Amino acid sequence: MATAGKGYVDLRDWMENVAALGELKRVDGAECELEIGTLTDLVCHAPRRNSLLFQNIPGYPGDYGILVNALGSAKRLALVMGIEAENTRELVAALTRKIADLQPIPPRYVDQGPVLENQYFGDEVDITKFPAPLWHAKDGGRYLGTGSVTITRDPELDWVNLGTYRVMVVDKDRLGFYMSPGKHGLIHREKYFAQGKPCPVAISFGHDPLLLLVGAFEWPHGLSEYGVAGGFKGAPIDVIQGKFTGLPFPAQAEIVIEGEAVAGEKSQEGPFGEWTGYYASGMRQEVTIKVKAVYHRHGPIVLGAPPFKPPNGNSFYGAVMRSAKLKRDLTASGVPDVVDVWFPEEGGGRFLCVVSIKQRYPGHAKQVGLLAMGNPSSVYMGRYVIVVDEDIDVTDLSNVMWAVITRTDPVKSIDIVRRLWSGPLDPVLTKEDGGFNSRAIIDACRPFERLSTFPPVIELDQEVEKRVRQRWGDALD
């Protein structure tokens, strides 16, 4: 029996841990036509943000399930990452240390695994047998892939990438998938097409949430997410070499498909409610995956991570991972006294970045803002970088905005940088923008030349505050 807080083997073992934490709820009878999506939206915005397991879904076998909001709490994130933390700031700090010390461990190839319990090839393939919800009311179709990982191999450098891209069901043996410009999976596909070849693709639709966590974020070019996941676990990820593509897919996965994408073979994809809170990118013709093989466990569980209007459970884990990666990179760059980093959930974990520093020299804040703006963790679809003093809690957006309002002068404190990496999901961009956007760096630190004379902050006397809370704390409840 799995024990809360200890290691786990696969998604099912992980769910036992989460149930022991009191953060897993089971839901029977919800329909794929908006009911599952609506309840997922509600729980992602709820105070507790429990993980939900949908079963007995009408129209599907009773033991087929969908797990949502897997990574929406600090406890569940800590479990996946193998760290301990009591709050968000501790979580980011612990993850920063873990990333700094992380040693990638390559995957281990095995011949067998639970995912091979059921196998279908050619005319036997029917991906419509798996529950794929209509997550948002105006979505253009059913999306089986929201918490999935798409597996591709660079045809020139022979490294394997895992990326989290949206995947729509077209029919029983075709999938539509959208990848944003500049993403590693799209670069791989373009290389195959440039060689006049189809692009082999494998997709896992249910797996250890750690694979979702590492697959959704930016890692250095050439570094496989399998190695990153192995580094987090301290042991290799077991993979099976696909019969059709030769690609490695997780042996403990719930559902895996193998197929190929062919240049010119397209289908209608979108619109889809995205992490920005909008139906971004509209409806378009996208390259289609022709499914050649399907593998799944008995009673397979789809891992769902649909985006919703932020802040929500999905923007939370994105914020934690991106904040830890950026803090590690800023520290490694040699810039001194970076105290904290946070990508507020209100910005979907991307649009807004806040960095606190202890100012050491003139231009320190601007230097940090420029480094943060161009870092791989923040350069894609960023919008604002705010640099604040060390007395500001970066995870408290009201505290951050107080610093912006009281410590900045618009003319002196804001710099605009143009023509940086954005994409079709950015709701304010037009076709004429060509995939570029601009960024604002806001220096919300006290002016360096006035550090000793800037008006002091109103603060409570700590001893008096402690005494008052002890005597009259019930008045605050």
Protein backbone atom coordinates (compact mmCIF):
# COMPACT_ATOMS: atom_id res chain seq x y z
CA MET A 1 0.00 0.00 0.00
CA ALA A 2 1.33 3.41 -0.95
CA THR A 3 2.04 5.82 1.86
CA ALA A 4 1.42 9.55 1.60
CA GLY A 5 4.61 11.48 0.98
CA LYS A 6 6.64 8.43 -0.10
CA GLY A 7 7.76 7.34 -3.53
CA TYR A 8 5.31 5.96 -6.07
CA VAL A 9 5.49 3.79 -9.16
CA ASP A 10 2.84 5.00 -11.62
CA LEU A 11 -0.31 7.11 -11.93
CA ARG A 12 -2.43 4.66 -9.96
CA ASP A 13 0.08 4.42 -7.14
CA TRP A 14 0.29 8.23 -7.16
CA MET A 15 -3.51 8.46 -6.77
CA GLU A 16 -3.33 6.26 -3.67
CA ASN A 17 -0.83 8.70 -2.18
CA VAL A 18 -3.09 11.64 -3.03
CA ALA A 19 -6.13 9.87 -1.57
CA ALA A 20 -4.13 9.38 1.66
CA LEU A 21 -3.47 13.13 1.65
CA GLY A 22 -7.23 13.70 1.46
CA GLU A 23 -6.95 15.51 -1.89
CA LEU A 24 -8.55 13.01 -4.30
CA LYS A 25 -12.31 13.00 -4.93
CA ARG A 26 -14.15 10.45 -7.08
CA VAL A 27 -17.01 11.52 -9.34
CA ASP A 28 -19.40 9.01 -10.93
CA GLY A 29 -21.70 9.63 -13.89
CA ALA A 30 -20.53 13.02 -15.21
CA GLU A 31 -20.87 13.34 -18.99
CA CYS A 32 -18.11 14.24 -21.45
CA GLU A 33 -20.42 16.84 -23.03
CA LEU A 34 -19.41 19.84 -20.85
CA GLU A 35 -20.22 18.34 -17.41
CA ILE A 36 -16.68 17.04 -16.85
CA GLY A 37 -15.20 20.26 -18.23
CA THR A 38 -17.44 22.46 -16.10
CA LEU A 39 -16.69 20.58 -12.88
CA THR A 40 -12.97 20.62 -13.72
CA ASP A 41 -13.10 24.39 -14.21
CA LEU A 42 -14.87 24.80 -10.88
CA VAL A 43 -12.45 22.61 -8.92
CA CYS A 44 -9.42 24.29 -10.51
CA HIS A 45 -10.71 27.61 -9.16
CA ALA A 46 -11.89 26.26 -5.79
CA PRO A 47 -10.00 27.06 -2.55
CA ARG A 48 -8.92 23.41 -1.99
CA ARG A 49 -8.33 22.55 -5.65
CA ASN A 50 -8.75 18.80 -5.15
CA SER A 51 -7.82 16.31 -7.83
CA LEU A 52 -10.88 14.62 -9.35
CA LEU A 53 -11.18 11.11 -10.81
CA PHE A 54 -14.16 10.76 -13.15
CA GLN A 55 -15.48 7.21 -13.59
CA ASN A 56 -18.66 5.55 -14.88
CA ILE A 57 -18.71 8.12 -17.66
CA PRO A 58 -21.89 7.66 -19.79
CA GLY A 59 -21.10 6.02 -23.12
CA TYR A 60 -17.84 4.42 -21.96
CA PRO A 61 -16.90 1.34 -19.91
CA GLY A 62 -17.35 2.02 -16.21
CA ASP A 63 -13.69 1.50 -15.34
CA TYR A 64 -12.43 3.98 -17.95
CA GLY A 65 -11.53 7.21 -16.16
CA ILE A 66 -10.29 10.78 -16.45
CA LEU A 67 -8.08 12.32 -13.76
CA VAL A 68 -7.96 16.13 -13.62
CA ASN A 69 -6.18 18.84 -11.64
CA ALA A 70 -3.39 16.45 -10.70
CA LEU A 71 -0.84 19.17 -9.89
CA GLY A 72 -3.08 21.89 -8.48
CA SER A 73 -1.84 21.93 -4.88
CA ALA A 74 1.47 22.42 -3.08
CA LYS A 75 1.24 18.98 -1.44
CA ARG A 76 0.68 17.17 -4.72
CA LEU A 77 3.45 19.09 -6.44
CA ALA A 78 5.82 18.27 -3.59
CA LEU A 79 4.88 14.60 -3.89
CA VAL A 80 5.60 14.54 -7.62
CA MET A 81 8.90 16.39 -7.26
CA GLY A 82 10.10 14.44 -4.23
CA ILE A 83 10.52 17.52 -2.02
CA GLU A 84 9.04 18.91 1.20
CA ALA A 85 7.46 22.35 1.56
CA GLU A 86 4.78 24.05 3.68
CA ASN A 87 3.85 26.90 1.33
CA THR A 88 4.39 28.27 -2.16
CA ARG A 89 7.59 30.18 -1.39
CA GLU A 90 9.13 27.13 0.28
CA LEU A 91 8.03 25.02 -2.68
CA VAL A 92 9.77 27.31 -5.16
CA ALA A 93 12.90 27.47 -3.00
CA ALA A 94 13.09 23.68 -2.59
CA LEU A 95 12.48 23.11 -6.30
CA THR A 96 15.15 25.70 -7.19
CA ARG A 97 17.69 23.73 -5.13
CA LYS A 98 16.61 20.45 -6.68
CA ILE A 99 16.91 21.78 -10.24
CA ALA A 100 20.35 23.22 -9.46
CA ASP A 101 21.57 19.78 -8.32
CA LEU A 102 19.63 17.75 -10.88
CA GLN A 103 21.61 15.09 -12.74
CA PRO A 104 19.65 13.73 -15.74
CA ILE A 105 19.27 9.95 -15.79
CA PRO A 106 18.59 8.38 -19.22
CA PRO A 107 15.53 6.12 -19.57
CA ARG A 108 15.78 2.35 -19.28
CA TYR A 109 14.43 0.26 -22.16
CA VAL A 110 12.27 -2.70 -21.13
CA ASP A 111 10.28 -5.28 -23.10
CA GLN A 112 7.11 -5.34 -20.99
CA GLY A 113 4.88 -2.95 -19.09
CA PRO A 114 1.24 -2.46 -18.06
CA VAL A 115 0.58 -0.31 -21.14
CA LEU A 116 0.90 -3.43 -23.31
CA GLU A 117 -2.09 -5.17 -21.68
CA ASN A 118 -4.21 -4.25 -24.72
CA GLN A 119 -2.78 -3.70 -28.23
CA TYR A 120 -4.47 -2.69 -31.49
CA PHE A 121 -3.00 -2.15 -34.94
CA GLY A 122 -4.18 -1.01 -38.36
CA ASP A 123 -7.93 -1.42 -38.87
CA GLU A 124 -8.37 -2.35 -35.19
CA VAL A 125 -7.46 1.19 -34.10
CA ASP A 126 -10.31 3.23 -32.62
CA ILE A 127 -9.31 6.14 -30.40
CA THR A 128 -12.94 7.21 -29.97
CA LYS A 129 -13.25 4.40 -27.40
CA PHE A 130 -11.51 6.66 -24.86
CA PRO A 131 -13.41 9.47 -23.10
CA ALA A 132 -12.42 12.82 -24.62
CA PRO A 133 -14.39 15.71 -23.11
CA LEU A 134 -15.70 18.87 -24.66
CA TRP A 135 -13.79 20.90 -22.08
CA HIS A 136 -15.13 24.37 -22.92
CA ALA A 137 -18.47 25.36 -24.43
CA LYS A 138 -17.01 26.83 -27.64
CA ASP A 139 -14.28 24.26 -28.30
CA GLY A 140 -14.16 23.03 -31.87
CA GLY A 141 -13.99 19.37 -30.87
CA ARG A 142 -13.18 16.76 -28.23
CA TYR A 143 -9.66 16.96 -26.82
CA LEU A 144 -8.14 13.69 -25.63
CA GLY A 145 -4.77 15.37 -25.17
CA THR A 146 -4.51 18.13 -22.57
CA GLY A 147 -2.31 16.43 -19.96
CA SER A 148 -0.64 14.28 -22.59
CA VAL A 149 2.99 14.19 -23.70
CA THR A 150 3.83 14.08 -27.40
CA ILE A 151 7.03 12.16 -28.10
CA THR A 152 9.24 13.01 -31.10
CA ARG A 153 12.85 12.48 -32.11
CA ASP A 154 15.14 15.00 -33.80
CA PRO A 155 16.08 13.36 -37.13
CA GLU A 156 19.45 15.13 -37.21
CA LEU A 157 20.62 15.02 -33.60
CA ASP A 158 18.80 11.85 -32.46
CA TRP A 159 17.44 13.19 -29.17
CA VAL A 160 13.93 12.54 -27.88
CA ASN A 161 11.61 15.33 -26.79
CA LEU A 162 8.45 15.16 -24.67
CA GLY A 163 6.13 18.13 -25.12
CA THR A 164 2.65 18.90 -23.85
CA TYR A 165 0.55 20.04 -26.82
CA ARG A 166 -3.20 20.01 -27.30
CA VAL A 167 -4.51 16.94 -29.18
CA MET A 168 -8.01 16.78 -30.70
CA VAL A 169 -9.89 13.67 -31.82
CA VAL A 170 -10.73 13.89 -35.55
CA ASP A 171 -12.07 10.37 -36.03
CA LYS A 172 -11.25 6.81 -35.01
CA ASP A 173 -7.69 6.82 -36.40
CA ARG A 174 -6.79 10.51 -36.79
CA LEU A 175 -5.72 13.16 -34.31
CA GLY A 176 -5.25 16.88 -34.81
CA PHE A 177 -2.48 18.48 -32.79
CA TYR A 178 -1.36 22.08 -32.38
CA MET A 179 2.20 23.07 -31.46
CA SER A 180 3.18 26.71 -30.93
CA PRO A 181 5.94 28.24 -33.09
CA GLY A 182 9.42 27.55 -31.74
CA LYS A 183 8.51 24.52 -29.65
CA HIS A 184 10.88 21.56 -29.89
CA GLY A 185 8.22 19.15 -31.16
CA LEU A 186 7.35 21.50 -34.01
CA ILE A 187 11.02 21.95 -34.91
CA HIS A 188 11.38 18.16 -35.10
CA ARG A 189 8.33 17.87 -37.35
CA GLU A 190 9.58 20.63 -39.65
CA LYS A 191 12.94 18.86 -40.01
CA TYR A 192 11.22 15.63 -41.14
CA PHE A 193 9.04 17.53 -43.59
CA ALA A 194 12.08 19.38 -44.99
CA GLN A 195 13.61 15.97 -45.72
CA GLY A 196 10.41 14.89 -47.49
CA LYS A 197 9.64 12.34 -44.78
CA PRO A 198 6.65 11.79 -42.45
CA CYS A 199 7.27 12.61 -38.80
CA PRO A 200 6.97 9.63 -36.41
CA VAL A 201 4.93 10.53 -33.32
CA ALA A 202 3.98 8.74 -30.12
CA ILE A 203 1.59 10.24 -27.58
CA SER A 204 0.96 9.15 -24.00
CA PHE A 205 -2.48 10.19 -22.72
CA GLY A 206 -2.14 8.94 -19.13
CA HIS A 207 1.06 8.62 -17.08
CA ASP A 208 3.02 9.65 -14.01
CA PRO A 209 2.16 13.36 -13.48
CA LEU A 210 5.91 14.02 -13.34
CA LEU A 211 6.02 13.47 -17.12
CA LEU A 212 3.33 16.12 -17.55
CA LEU A 213 5.28 18.48 -15.29
CA VAL A 214 8.57 18.15 -17.20
CA GLY A 215 6.86 17.91 -20.61
CA ALA A 216 5.09 21.23 -20.15
CA PHE A 217 8.23 23.29 -19.58
CA GLU A 218 11.28 24.58 -21.36
CA TRP A 219 14.47 22.55 -21.02
CA PRO A 220 17.71 23.06 -22.95
CA HIS A 221 17.76 22.01 -26.59
CA GLY A 222 19.04 18.45 -26.82
CA LEU A 223 18.09 17.46 -23.28
CA SER A 224 15.39 14.79 -23.18
CA GLU A 225 12.60 15.20 -20.65
CA TYR A 226 12.99 11.48 -19.88
CA GLY A 227 16.40 12.31 -18.45
CA VAL A 228 14.98 15.23 -16.44
CA ALA A 229 12.21 13.03 -15.03
CA GLY A 230 14.75 10.36 -14.14
CA GLY A 231 16.82 13.00 -12.38
CA PHE A 232 13.81 14.04 -10.29
CA LYS A 233 13.08 10.44 -9.33
CA GLY A 234 16.69 9.42 -8.87
CA ALA A 235 16.03 6.39 -11.10
CA PRO A 236 15.50 5.83 -14.83
CA ILE A 237 12.04 5.99 -16.40
CA ASP A 238 11.11 2.61 -17.91
CA VAL A 239 10.28 2.92 -21.60
CA ILE A 240 9.27 0.57 -24.40
CA GLN A 241 10.48 0.98 -27.96
CA GLY A 242 7.46 1.46 -30.20
CA LYS A 243 6.83 -1.23 -32.82
CA PHE A 244 5.84 1.27 -35.49
CA THR A 245 7.85 4.44 -34.76
CA GLY A 246 10.78 3.15 -32.74
CA LEU A 247 10.06 5.96 -30.26
CA PRO A 248 10.35 5.23 -26.52
CA PHE A 249 7.06 5.50 -24.64
CA PRO A 250 6.41 5.05 -20.90
CA ALA A 251 6.04 1.40 -19.90
CA GLN A 252 3.74 2.42 -17.01
CA ALA A 253 1.51 4.61 -19.19
CA GLU A 254 -2.27 4.24 -19.28
CA ILE A 255 -2.80 4.91 -23.01
CA VAL A 256 -0.25 5.36 -25.82
CA ILE A 257 -0.68 5.79 -29.56
CA GLU A 258 1.90 5.53 -32.32
CA GLY A 259 1.45 7.26 -35.64
CA GLU A 260 2.90 9.62 -38.17
CA ALA A 261 2.32 13.16 -39.32
CA VAL A 262 2.54 13.73 -43.07
CA ALA A 263 3.10 17.14 -44.66
CA GLY A 264 -0.05 18.28 -46.44
CA GLU A 265 -2.37 15.90 -44.60
CA LYS A 266 -4.42 18.29 -42.48
CA SER A 267 -7.75 18.56 -40.70
CA GLN A 268 -9.71 21.30 -38.96
CA GLU A 269 -8.43 22.01 -35.44
CA GLY A 270 -9.72 24.43 -32.80
CA PRO A 271 -10.85 26.72 -31.46
CA PHE A 272 -9.81 25.71 -27.96
CA GLY A 273 -10.04 27.54 -24.64
CA GLU A 274 -6.42 28.26 -23.76
CA TRP A 275 -4.32 29.18 -20.69
CA THR A 276 -4.69 32.87 -21.50
CA GLY A 277 -8.38 32.66 -20.60
CA TYR A 278 -9.45 33.10 -24.23
CA TYR A 279 -10.32 30.95 -27.23
CA ALA A 280 -6.99 31.87 -28.74
CA SER A 281 -5.65 30.85 -32.20
CA GLY A 282 -9.14 30.26 -33.61
CA MET A 283 -10.00 27.51 -36.07
CA ARG A 284 -7.44 26.42 -38.66
CA GLN A 285 -6.13 23.54 -40.71
CA GLU A 286 -3.45 21.68 -38.77
CA VAL A 287 -1.30 18.68 -39.60
CA THR A 288 -3.03 15.41 -38.70
CA ILE A 289 -1.55 12.34 -37.02
CA LYS A 290 -2.54 9.06 -38.67
CA VAL A 291 -2.73 6.56 -35.81
CA LYS A 292 -1.10 3.20 -36.55
CA ALA A 293 -1.12 1.53 -33.12
CA VAL A 294 -2.90 1.89 -29.78
CA TYR A 295 -1.79 0.42 -26.44
CA HIS A 296 -3.63 0.71 -23.13
CA ARG A 297 -3.97 -0.75 -19.67
CA HIS A 298 -7.14 -2.44 -18.45
CA GLY A 299 -9.49 0.33 -17.27
CA PRO A 300 -7.29 3.13 -18.64
CA ILE A 301 -7.20 6.59 -17.08
CA VAL A 302 -6.83 9.72 -19.21
CA LEU A 303 -4.76 12.47 -17.58
CA GLY A 304 -6.56 15.76 -18.19
CA ALA A 305 -4.99 19.20 -17.72
CA PRO A 306 -7.24 21.54 -19.69
CA PRO A 307 -6.45 25.25 -19.40
CA PHE A 308 -8.96 27.69 -18.00
CA LYS A 309 -9.12 31.40 -17.25
CA PRO A 310 -6.32 32.05 -14.74
CA PRO A 311 -5.68 31.83 -11.87
CA ASN A 312 -6.41 28.11 -11.49
CA GLY A 313 -4.85 24.79 -10.53
CA ASN A 314 -3.04 24.42 -13.84
CA SER A 315 -1.55 27.93 -13.77
CA PHE A 316 -0.32 27.13 -10.23
CA TYR A 317 2.01 24.28 -11.16
CA GLY A 318 3.18 26.24 -14.19
CA ALA A 319 4.02 29.19 -11.95
CA VAL A 320 5.96 27.04 -9.47
CA MET A 321 8.07 25.25 -12.08
CA ARG A 322 8.81 28.35 -14.14
CA SER A 323 9.68 30.39 -11.03
CA ALA A 324 12.15 27.79 -9.77
CA LYS A 325 13.79 27.44 -13.17
CA LEU A 326 14.20 31.19 -13.61
CA LYS A 327 15.58 31.70 -10.10
CA ARG A 328 18.11 28.95 -10.67
CA ASP A 329 19.16 30.49 -14.00
CA LEU A 330 19.43 34.01 -12.61
CA THR A 331 21.58 32.79 -9.74
CA ALA A 332 23.74 30.71 -12.09
CA SER A 333 24.28 33.78 -14.31
CA GLY A 334 26.30 35.38 -11.54
CA VAL A 335 23.94 38.26 -10.77
CA PRO A 336 23.98 38.75 -6.97
CA ASP A 337 21.26 38.75 -4.36
CA VAL A 338 18.24 37.44 -6.24
CA VAL A 339 15.88 36.79 -3.33
CA ASP A 340 12.69 35.36 -4.87
CA VAL A 341 11.02 34.79 -8.24
CA TRP A 342 7.33 34.30 -8.95
CA PHE A 343 5.16 34.09 -12.05
CA PRO A 344 1.74 35.11 -10.66
CA GLU A 345 -1.09 32.77 -11.56
CA GLU A 346 -3.13 35.74 -12.74
CA GLY A 347 -0.76 35.88 -15.72
CA GLY A 348 -1.20 32.20 -16.48
CA GLY A 349 2.31 31.54 -15.19
CA ARG A 350 3.79 33.33 -18.24
CA PHE A 351 2.63 36.89 -18.94
CA LEU A 352 3.87 38.38 -15.66
CA CYS A 353 7.15 37.73 -13.83
CA VAL A 354 8.13 39.26 -10.48
CA VAL A 355 11.69 39.16 -9.13
CA SER A 356 12.79 40.49 -5.75
CA ILE A 357 16.39 41.53 -5.12
CA LYS A 358 18.55 43.17 -2.50
CA GLN A 359 19.97 46.11 -4.44
CA ARG A 360 23.77 46.23 -4.47
CA TYR A 361 24.70 48.76 -7.16
CA PRO A 362 23.22 51.24 -9.66
CA GLY A 363 21.48 49.40 -12.50
CA HIS A 364 21.17 46.15 -10.53
CA ALA A 365 17.38 46.09 -10.90
CA LYS A 366 17.50 46.81 -14.65
CA GLN A 367 20.12 44.09 -15.15
CA VAL A 368 17.90 41.54 -13.44
CA GLY A 369 14.88 42.67 -15.45
CA LEU A 370 16.70 42.22 -18.76
CA LEU A 371 18.06 38.81 -17.78
CA ALA A 372 14.63 37.65 -16.62
CA MET A 373 12.93 38.92 -19.76
CA GLY A 374 15.19 36.96 -22.11
CA ASN A 375 15.54 33.75 -20.11
CA PRO A 376 14.27 30.51 -21.73
CA SER A 377 11.82 30.12 -18.85
CA SER A 378 10.17 33.46 -19.53
CA VAL A 379 10.93 34.58 -23.08
CA TYR A 380 7.97 32.77 -24.72
CA MET A 381 4.85 34.96 -24.50
CA GLY A 382 6.07 37.09 -21.63
CA ARG A 383 4.54 40.54 -21.16
CA TYR A 384 5.75 42.21 -17.97
CA VAL A 385 8.78 41.79 -15.70
CA ILE A 386 8.53 43.60 -12.37
CA VAL A 387 11.62 43.93 -10.16
CA VAL A 388 10.98 44.73 -6.48
CA ASP A 389 12.97 45.11 -3.26
CA GLU A 390 13.53 42.22 -0.87
CA ASP A 391 10.83 43.46 1.54
CA ILE A 392 8.11 42.64 -1.02
CA ASP A 393 6.51 39.17 -1.02
CA VAL A 394 6.57 38.24 -4.71
CA THR A 395 3.73 35.74 -4.24
CA ASP A 396 1.41 38.47 -2.89
CA LEU A 397 0.19 40.34 -5.97
CA SER A 398 -1.44 43.11 -3.90
CA ASN A 399 1.92 43.70 -2.17
CA VAL A 400 3.68 43.75 -5.55
CA MET A 401 1.21 46.25 -6.97
CA TRP A 402 1.64 48.45 -3.89
CA ALA A 403 5.35 48.60 -4.72
CA VAL A 404 4.59 49.39 -8.38
CA ILE A 405 2.19 52.18 -7.39
CA THR A 406 4.37 53.78 -4.72
CA ARG A 407 7.98 53.20 -5.88
CA THR A 408 7.80 53.93 -9.60
CA ASP A 409 7.62 56.94 -11.85
CA PRO A 410 6.27 55.92 -15.29
CA VAL A 411 8.88 57.90 -17.23
CA LYS A 412 11.87 56.73 -15.19
CA SER A 413 10.82 53.23 -14.18
CA ILE A 414 9.40 51.53 -17.28
CA ASP A 415 11.37 50.31 -20.31
CA ILE A 416 9.86 48.75 -23.44
CA VAL A 417 11.62 46.08 -25.49
CA ARG A 418 10.16 45.18 -28.88
CA ARG A 419 10.01 42.19 -31.24
CA LEU A 420 10.25 39.28 -28.83
CA TRP A 421 8.88 35.73 -29.14
CA SER A 422 5.11 35.40 -28.91
CA GLY A 423 2.60 33.31 -30.85
CA PRO A 424 -0.99 32.74 -32.01
CA LEU A 425 -2.24 32.09 -28.46
CA ASP A 426 -1.52 35.71 -27.48
CA PRO A 427 -4.98 37.33 -27.51
CA VAL A 428 -3.77 40.87 -28.30
CA LEU A 429 -1.63 39.93 -31.30
CA THR A 430 -2.84 40.32 -34.86
CA LYS A 431 -1.62 38.56 -38.01
CA GLU A 432 0.26 41.73 -38.91
CA ASP A 433 2.37 41.40 -35.74
CA GLY A 434 4.06 38.36 -37.25
CA GLY A 435 4.42 36.44 -33.99
CA PHE A 436 6.27 39.26 -32.17
CA ASN A 437 5.21 41.14 -29.07
CA SER A 438 6.73 43.80 -26.81
CA ARG A 439 7.72 43.61 -23.15
CA ALA A 440 7.75 46.08 -20.30
CA ILE A 441 10.38 45.97 -17.57
CA ILE A 442 9.10 47.80 -14.50
CA ASP A 443 11.72 48.77 -11.94
CA ALA A 444 9.54 48.90 -8.82
CA CYS A 445 12.50 49.05 -6.45
CA ARG A 446 13.19 52.09 -4.33
CA PRO A 447 15.54 54.34 -6.34
CA PHE A 448 19.07 53.12 -5.59
CA GLU A 449 20.37 56.64 -5.01
CA ARG A 450 17.64 57.17 -2.38
CA LEU A 451 17.84 53.90 -0.46
CA SER A 452 18.90 55.69 2.73
CA THR A 453 16.40 58.55 2.41
CA PHE A 454 13.33 56.89 0.90
CA PRO A 455 10.32 57.14 3.26
CA PRO A 456 10.19 54.21 5.69
CA VAL A 457 7.42 51.62 5.40
CA ILE A 458 4.68 51.48 8.03
CA GLU A 459 5.25 48.23 9.90
CA LEU A 460 3.87 46.63 13.04
CA ASP A 461 6.06 46.18 16.07
CA GLN A 462 6.54 42.41 16.08
CA GLU A 463 6.43 41.98 19.85
CA VAL A 464 3.28 44.05 20.15
CA GLU A 465 1.69 42.24 17.23
CA LYS A 466 2.42 38.87 18.86
CA ARG A 467 0.90 40.01 22.16
CA VAL A 468 -2.20 41.46 20.49
CA ARG A 469 -2.78 38.30 18.45
CA GLN A 470 -2.53 36.18 21.58
CA ARG A 471 -5.02 38.31 23.53
CA TRP A 472 -7.54 39.27 20.86
CA GLY A 473 -6.86 36.95 17.94
CA ASP A 474 -10.49 35.76 17.87
CA ALA A 475 -11.46 39.21 16.61
CA LEU A 476 -9.55 38.43 13.40
CA ASP A 477 -11.36 35.14 12.70
